[in-house]
Amino acid sequence: MKNSTLKFLDVGHNRLRNTGIKAIIEGVRANPDSQLRELGVCSNFINDDGMTKLFEELIIPGKDHG
């Protein structure tokens, strides 16, 4: 299902961890019509690797991260 109306998603306090944040990244990237502009992920036990992946995949995609 494609969603072009969702602009804000808050999944805070859900214990997503890195596995959950990866699933959200994959879902957003799989939807080329996504209008998501804000994603709340506080208090989800996401470590530095998970946050780095979030930034590299969704926030600043296509940049050279080396």
C-alpha atoms as a PDB file:
ATOM      1  CA  MET A   1       0.000   0.000   0.000  1.00  0.00           C
ATOM      2  CA  LYS A   2       1.315   3.425  -0.936  1.00  0.00           C
ATOM      3  CA  ASN A   3       0.763   6.431   1.301  1.00  0.00           C
ATOM      4  CA  SER A   4       1.187   9.965   0.030  1.00  0.00           C
ATOM      5  CA  THR A   5      -0.588  11.793   2.861  1.00  0.00           C
ATOM      6  CA  LEU A   6       1.312  10.800   6.031  1.00  0.00           C
ATOM      7  CA  LYS A   7       3.659  13.649   6.960  1.00  0.00           C
ATOM      8  CA  PHE A   8       4.397  13.005  10.645  1.00  0.00           C
ATOM      9  CA  LEU A   9       5.001   9.711  12.425  1.00  0.00           C
ATOM     10  CA  ASP A  10       5.844   9.432  16.116  1.00  0.00           C
ATOM     11  CA  VAL A  11       6.881   5.941  17.201  1.00  0.00           C
ATOM     12  CA  GLY A  12       8.541   7.031  20.436  1.00  0.00           C
ATOM     13  CA  HIS A  13       8.569   4.774  23.508  1.00  0.00           C
ATOM     14  CA  ASN A  14       8.049   1.539  21.539  1.00  0.00           C
ATOM     15  CA  ARG A  15      11.350  -0.311  22.063  1.00  0.00           C
ATOM     16  CA  LEU A  16      12.018  -0.426  18.325  1.00  0.00           C
ATOM     17  CA  ARG A  17      15.740  -0.925  18.654  1.00  0.00           C
ATOM     18  CA  ASN A  18      17.838  -1.128  15.471  1.00  0.00           C
ATOM     19  CA  THR A  19      15.674  -3.836  13.890  1.00  0.00           C
ATOM     20  CA  GLY A  20      12.559  -1.697  14.120  1.00  0.00           C
ATOM     21  CA  ILE A  21      14.248   1.430  12.822  1.00  0.00           C
ATOM     22  CA  LYS A  22      15.570  -0.578   9.855  1.00  0.00           C
ATOM     23  CA  ALA A  23      12.013  -1.747   9.094  1.00  0.00           C
ATOM     24  CA  ILE A  24      10.733   1.840   9.167  1.00  0.00           C
ATOM     25  CA  ILE A  25      13.561   2.951   6.866  1.00  0.00           C
ATOM     26  CA  GLU A  26      12.762   0.145   4.421  1.00  0.00           C
ATOM     27  CA  GLY A  27       9.060   1.002   4.464  1.00  0.00           C
ATOM     28  CA  VAL A  28       9.601   4.677   3.808  1.00  0.00           C
ATOM     29  CA  ARG A  29      12.165   4.023   1.073  1.00  0.00           C
ATOM     30  CA  ALA A  30       9.879   1.471  -0.598  1.00  0.00           C
ATOM     31  CA  ASN A  31       7.212   4.147  -1.027  1.00  0.00           C
ATOM     32  CA  PRO A  32       8.349   6.669  -3.650  1.00  0.00           C
ATOM     33  CA  ASP A  33       5.190   8.715  -2.986  1.00  0.00           C
ATOM     34  CA  SER A  34       6.051   9.180   0.695  1.00  0.00           C
ATOM     35  CA  GLN A  35       5.532  12.690   2.026  1.00  0.00           C
ATOM     36  CA  LEU A  36       6.939  11.851   5.483  1.00  0.00           C
ATOM     37  CA  ARG A  37       8.731  14.926   6.805  1.00  0.00           C
ATOM     38  CA  GLU A  38       8.969  14.247  10.547  1.00  0.00           C
ATOM     39  CA  LEU A  39       9.764  11.021  12.366  1.00  0.00           C
ATOM     40  CA  GLY A  40       9.761  10.860  16.156  1.00  0.00           C
ATOM     41  CA  VAL A  41      11.886   8.006  17.546  1.00  0.00           C
ATOM     42  CA  CYS A  42      12.715   9.023  21.130  1.00  0.00           C
ATOM     43  CA  SER A  43      13.179   6.393  23.847  1.00  0.00           C
ATOM     44  CA  ASN A  44      13.485   3.392  21.526  1.00  0.00           C
ATOM     45  CA  PHE A  45      16.849   1.899  22.538  1.00  0.00           C
ATOM     46  CA  ILE A  46      18.362   2.767  19.153  1.00  0.00           C
ATOM     47  CA  ASN A  47      22.162   2.746  19.311  1.00  0.00           C
ATOM     48  CA  ASP A  48      24.625   4.867  17.338  1.00  0.00           C
ATOM     49  CA  ASP A  49      24.659   2.406  14.426  1.00  0.00           C
ATOM     50  CA  GLY A  50      20.872   2.569  14.121  1.00  0.00           C
ATOM     51  CA  MET A  51      20.792   6.355  14.224  1.00  0.00           C
ATOM     52  CA  THR A  52      23.618   6.546  11.686  1.00  0.00           C
ATOM     53  CA  LYS A  53      21.653   4.257   9.364  1.00  0.00           C
ATOM     54  CA  LEU A  54      18.536   6.422   9.822  1.00  0.00           C
ATOM     55  CA  PHE A  55      20.449   9.562   8.866  1.00  0.00           C
ATOM     56  CA  GLU A  56      22.295   7.967   5.955  1.00  0.00           C
ATOM     57  CA  GLU A  57      19.202   6.321   4.488  1.00  0.00           C
ATOM     58  CA  LEU A  58      16.465   8.910   5.105  1.00  0.00           C
ATOM     59  CA  ILE A  59      17.807  12.226   6.298  1.00  0.00           C
ATOM     60  CA  ILE A  60      20.778  12.740   3.973  1.00  0.00           C
ATOM     61  CA  PRO A  61      20.535   9.964   1.369  1.00  0.00           C
ATOM     62  CA  GLY A  62      22.946   9.882  -1.527  1.00  0.00           C
ATOM     63  CA  LYS A  63      25.739  11.743   0.219  1.00  0.00           C
ATOM     64  CA  ASP A  64      29.213  10.243   0.483  1.00  0.00           C
ATOM     65  CA  HIS A  65      29.380   8.986   4.073  1.00  0.00           C
ATOM     66  CA  GLY A  66      32.961   7.727   3.947  1.00  0.00           C
END
